[in-house]
Amino acid sequence: MKLHENFLFLRSFIHSPKNVGSVMPSSRFLATKMVKQAPWNEVKAVAELGSGTGAITRFINTQVSETTKVLLFEMNETMRNRLQTEYPDFSCHPDAAQLVETMKQENIHQLDCIFSGLPFFNFERELRDTLVEQIYKALKPGGLFIAFQYSLQMKKQLSKNFSIEKIDLVPLNIPPAFVYVCRKKETI
């Protein structure tokens, strides 16, 4: 299964490197570092942007209660279909830029936490701005945005809407990644 996931991810990267961002799925070290940041006993609704082959989704699945609403966003249709099959209780969608609208359709008013593996800095500025705006609008006051990036280039843009509580380097990932733990600012 893991080899198949790696091949699927590599094939997707070759086909669309700007949208995939890496040749390999996230490591368990990166997924664990991200997922352990959330206060799971308080989380009622969560989203994951750029779910890929489910490397982080697997760890989210071990933390959520049966009443937690989970939205997964993955633009690659093959990966999205696999996620829907593997996680039938989660709701899978193709476009993270439609996060707020999707929440309305799913009758979710605010998210407690958003995880992201999207390669923000690969995107055009307009899409990057739209995604950050959607994330900000979707989160409850004080909600958490936990994302990994392969550089610190998003720090300035994220700090406009979020208080960056910490940035951790995860060297045991290919490539090594930074985990941003950000809290929605009350006012910007």
Protein backbone atom coordinates (compact mmCIF):
# COMPACT_ATOMS: atom_id res chain seq x y z
CA MET A 1 0.00 0.00 0.00
CA LYS A 2 2.72 2.48 0.99
CA LEU A 3 4.67 1.84 -2.23
CA HIS A 4 1.50 2.41 -4.24
CA GLU A 5 0.89 5.71 -2.38
CA ASN A 6 4.46 6.83 -3.06
CA PHE A 7 4.10 6.01 -6.75
CA LEU A 8 0.75 7.82 -6.96
CA PHE A 9 2.24 10.88 -5.26
CA LEU A 10 5.33 10.88 -7.52
CA ARG A 11 3.17 10.53 -10.63
CA SER A 12 0.99 13.44 -9.47
CA PHE A 13 4.09 15.54 -8.77
CA ILE A 14 5.49 14.88 -12.25
CA HIS A 15 2.13 15.78 -13.80
CA SER A 16 1.62 18.96 -11.73
CA PRO A 17 4.65 19.94 -9.58
CA LYS A 18 3.28 23.38 -8.64
CA ASN A 19 0.13 21.86 -7.16
CA VAL A 20 1.67 18.82 -5.46
CA GLY A 21 4.84 20.45 -4.13
CA SER A 22 6.82 17.31 -3.24
CA VAL A 23 7.87 14.00 -4.74
CA MET A 24 6.85 12.04 -1.62
CA PRO A 25 3.90 12.04 0.79
CA SER A 26 4.46 13.61 4.23
CA SER A 27 6.37 11.47 6.70
CA ARG A 28 4.80 10.09 9.88
CA PHE A 29 7.16 12.40 11.79
CA LEU A 30 5.71 15.45 10.06
CA ALA A 31 2.12 14.21 10.39
CA THR A 32 2.57 13.49 14.10
CA LYS A 33 4.17 16.89 14.75
CA MET A 34 1.23 18.63 13.07
CA VAL A 35 -1.65 16.64 14.53
CA LYS A 36 -0.41 16.75 18.12
CA GLN A 37 -0.72 20.58 18.07
CA ALA A 38 -4.54 20.52 18.16
CA PRO A 39 -6.60 20.45 21.39
CA TRP A 40 -8.56 17.38 20.27
CA ASN A 41 -10.87 17.32 23.29
CA GLU A 42 -12.28 20.68 22.06
CA VAL A 43 -12.33 20.05 18.30
CA LYS A 44 -15.82 19.72 16.80
CA ALA A 45 -15.01 20.60 13.18
CA VAL A 46 -11.72 20.39 11.31
CA ALA A 47 -10.48 20.65 7.73
CA GLU A 48 -7.40 19.38 5.97
CA LEU A 49 -6.29 21.21 2.83
CA GLY A 50 -4.20 19.26 0.35
CA SER A 51 -4.90 15.83 1.83
CA GLY A 52 -2.95 13.97 -0.86
CA THR A 53 -2.68 10.27 -0.12
CA GLY A 54 -3.83 10.73 3.48
CA ALA A 55 -0.50 10.82 5.32
CA ILE A 56 -1.83 13.46 7.76
CA THR A 57 -5.46 12.31 7.45
CA ARG A 58 -4.51 8.97 9.04
CA PHE A 59 -3.31 10.76 12.17
CA ILE A 60 -6.34 13.08 12.24
CA ASN A 61 -8.56 9.99 12.04
CA THR A 62 -7.00 8.58 15.22
CA GLN A 63 -7.84 11.78 17.15
CA VAL A 64 -11.35 12.77 16.10
CA SER A 65 -14.48 11.64 17.91
CA GLU A 66 -17.39 10.10 16.02
CA THR A 67 -19.22 13.45 16.18
CA THR A 68 -16.32 15.55 14.82
CA LYS A 69 -17.00 16.89 11.34
CA VAL A 70 -14.01 16.49 9.03
CA LEU A 71 -13.61 18.17 5.64
CA LEU A 72 -10.86 16.97 3.33
CA PHE A 73 -9.77 18.97 0.29
CA GLU A 74 -7.76 17.37 -2.50
CA MET A 75 -7.82 18.56 -6.10
CA ASN A 76 -6.34 15.35 -7.58
CA GLU A 77 -9.38 13.23 -8.40
CA THR A 78 -7.64 9.87 -7.97
CA MET A 79 -6.30 10.81 -4.54
CA ARG A 80 -9.65 12.34 -3.52
CA ASN A 81 -11.54 9.18 -4.51
CA ARG A 82 -9.12 7.03 -2.49
CA LEU A 83 -9.58 9.30 0.53
CA GLN A 84 -13.37 9.07 0.25
CA THR A 85 -13.17 5.29 0.10
CA GLU A 86 -10.75 5.04 3.02
CA TYR A 87 -12.53 7.66 5.17
CA PRO A 88 -16.25 7.36 4.34
CA ASP A 89 -17.27 9.43 7.40
CA PHE A 90 -15.20 12.40 6.18
CA SER A 91 -16.45 14.77 3.51
CA CYS A 92 -14.09 15.12 0.50
CA HIS A 93 -13.99 18.14 -1.80
CA PRO A 94 -11.85 19.28 -4.75
CA ASP A 95 -11.24 23.00 -4.15
CA ALA A 96 -9.79 24.51 -0.95
CA ALA A 97 -10.40 27.97 -2.41
CA GLN A 98 -14.11 27.19 -1.86
CA LEU A 99 -13.64 26.35 1.84
CA VAL A 100 -16.24 28.76 3.26
CA GLU A 101 -18.88 27.84 0.67
CA THR A 102 -18.25 24.14 1.28
CA MET A 103 -18.70 24.69 5.02
CA LYS A 104 -22.10 26.30 4.36
CA GLN A 105 -23.13 23.30 2.25
CA GLU A 106 -22.05 20.95 5.05
CA ASN A 107 -23.81 23.09 7.70
CA ILE A 108 -20.57 23.92 9.50
CA HIS A 109 -20.41 27.47 10.88
CA GLN A 110 -16.79 27.61 12.02
CA LEU A 111 -13.78 25.33 12.14
CA ASP A 112 -11.75 24.77 15.29
CA CYS A 113 -8.64 23.79 13.37
CA ILE A 114 -7.35 23.66 9.81
CA PHE A 115 -4.39 21.54 8.73
CA SER A 116 -2.66 22.24 5.46
CA GLY A 117 -0.12 20.56 3.27
CA LEU A 118 -0.72 22.98 0.39
CA PRO A 119 2.48 24.32 -1.22
CA PHE A 120 1.34 27.95 -0.83
CA PHE A 121 4.43 29.56 -2.28
CA ASN A 122 4.09 27.55 -5.51
CA PHE A 123 0.74 29.24 -6.18
CA GLU A 124 0.06 32.52 -7.94
CA ARG A 125 -0.30 35.43 -5.52
CA GLU A 126 -4.07 35.73 -6.13
CA LEU A 127 -4.71 32.08 -5.22
CA ARG A 128 -2.44 32.35 -2.18
CA ASP A 129 -4.37 35.42 -0.99
CA THR A 130 -7.71 33.69 -1.59
CA LEU A 131 -6.65 30.62 0.38
CA VAL A 132 -5.37 32.64 3.35
CA GLU A 133 -8.61 34.68 3.34
CA GLN A 134 -10.74 31.51 3.20
CA ILE A 135 -8.78 29.98 6.09
CA TYR A 136 -9.16 33.13 8.18
CA LYS A 137 -12.93 33.35 7.54
CA ALA A 138 -13.45 29.64 8.22
CA LEU A 139 -11.73 29.52 11.62
CA LYS A 140 -13.47 30.35 14.88
CA PRO A 141 -11.96 33.19 16.92
CA GLY A 142 -8.67 31.86 18.29
CA GLY A 143 -8.86 28.83 15.98
CA LEU A 144 -5.67 27.08 14.89
CA PHE A 145 -4.12 26.95 11.44
CA ILE A 146 -1.40 24.30 11.32
CA ALA A 147 0.51 24.07 8.07
CA PHE A 148 3.76 22.73 6.79
CA GLN A 149 5.93 24.44 4.22
CA TYR A 150 9.37 23.73 2.81
CA SER A 151 10.57 27.28 3.47
CA LEU A 152 9.83 30.29 5.67
CA GLN A 153 8.53 32.36 2.75
CA MET A 154 4.91 32.38 4.01
CA LYS A 155 5.79 33.74 7.46
CA LYS A 156 5.22 37.40 6.55
CA GLN A 157 1.88 36.81 4.81
CA LEU A 158 0.55 34.52 7.54
CA SER A 159 1.54 36.94 10.29
CA LYS A 160 -0.93 39.52 8.90
CA ASN A 161 -3.94 37.34 9.81
CA PHE A 162 -2.53 34.99 12.41
CA SER A 163 -0.36 35.02 15.50
CA ILE A 164 2.42 32.59 14.69
CA GLU A 165 2.86 30.71 17.96
CA LYS A 166 5.76 28.62 16.76
CA ILE A 167 7.56 27.21 13.76
CA ASP A 168 9.20 23.82 14.15
CA LEU A 169 11.63 22.19 11.73
CA VAL A 170 10.92 18.53 10.96
CA PRO A 171 14.16 17.19 9.47
CA LEU A 172 12.82 13.62 9.12
CA ASN A 173 10.72 14.42 6.08
CA ILE A 174 11.62 14.49 2.38
CA PRO A 175 12.33 17.35 1.96
CA PRO A 176 12.68 18.68 5.53
CA ALA A 177 9.67 20.85 6.41
CA PHE A 178 8.65 23.66 8.72
CA VAL A 179 5.46 23.28 10.75
CA TYR A 180 3.70 26.60 11.33
CA VAL A 181 1.34 26.72 14.32
CA CYS A 182 -0.80 29.82 13.90
CA ARG A 183 -3.76 31.18 15.85
CA LYS A 184 -6.42 33.36 14.24
CA LYS A 185 -6.07 36.95 15.33
CA GLU A 186 -9.22 38.46 16.81
CA THR A 187 -8.82 41.61 14.75
CA ILE A 188 -6.56 42.37 11.81
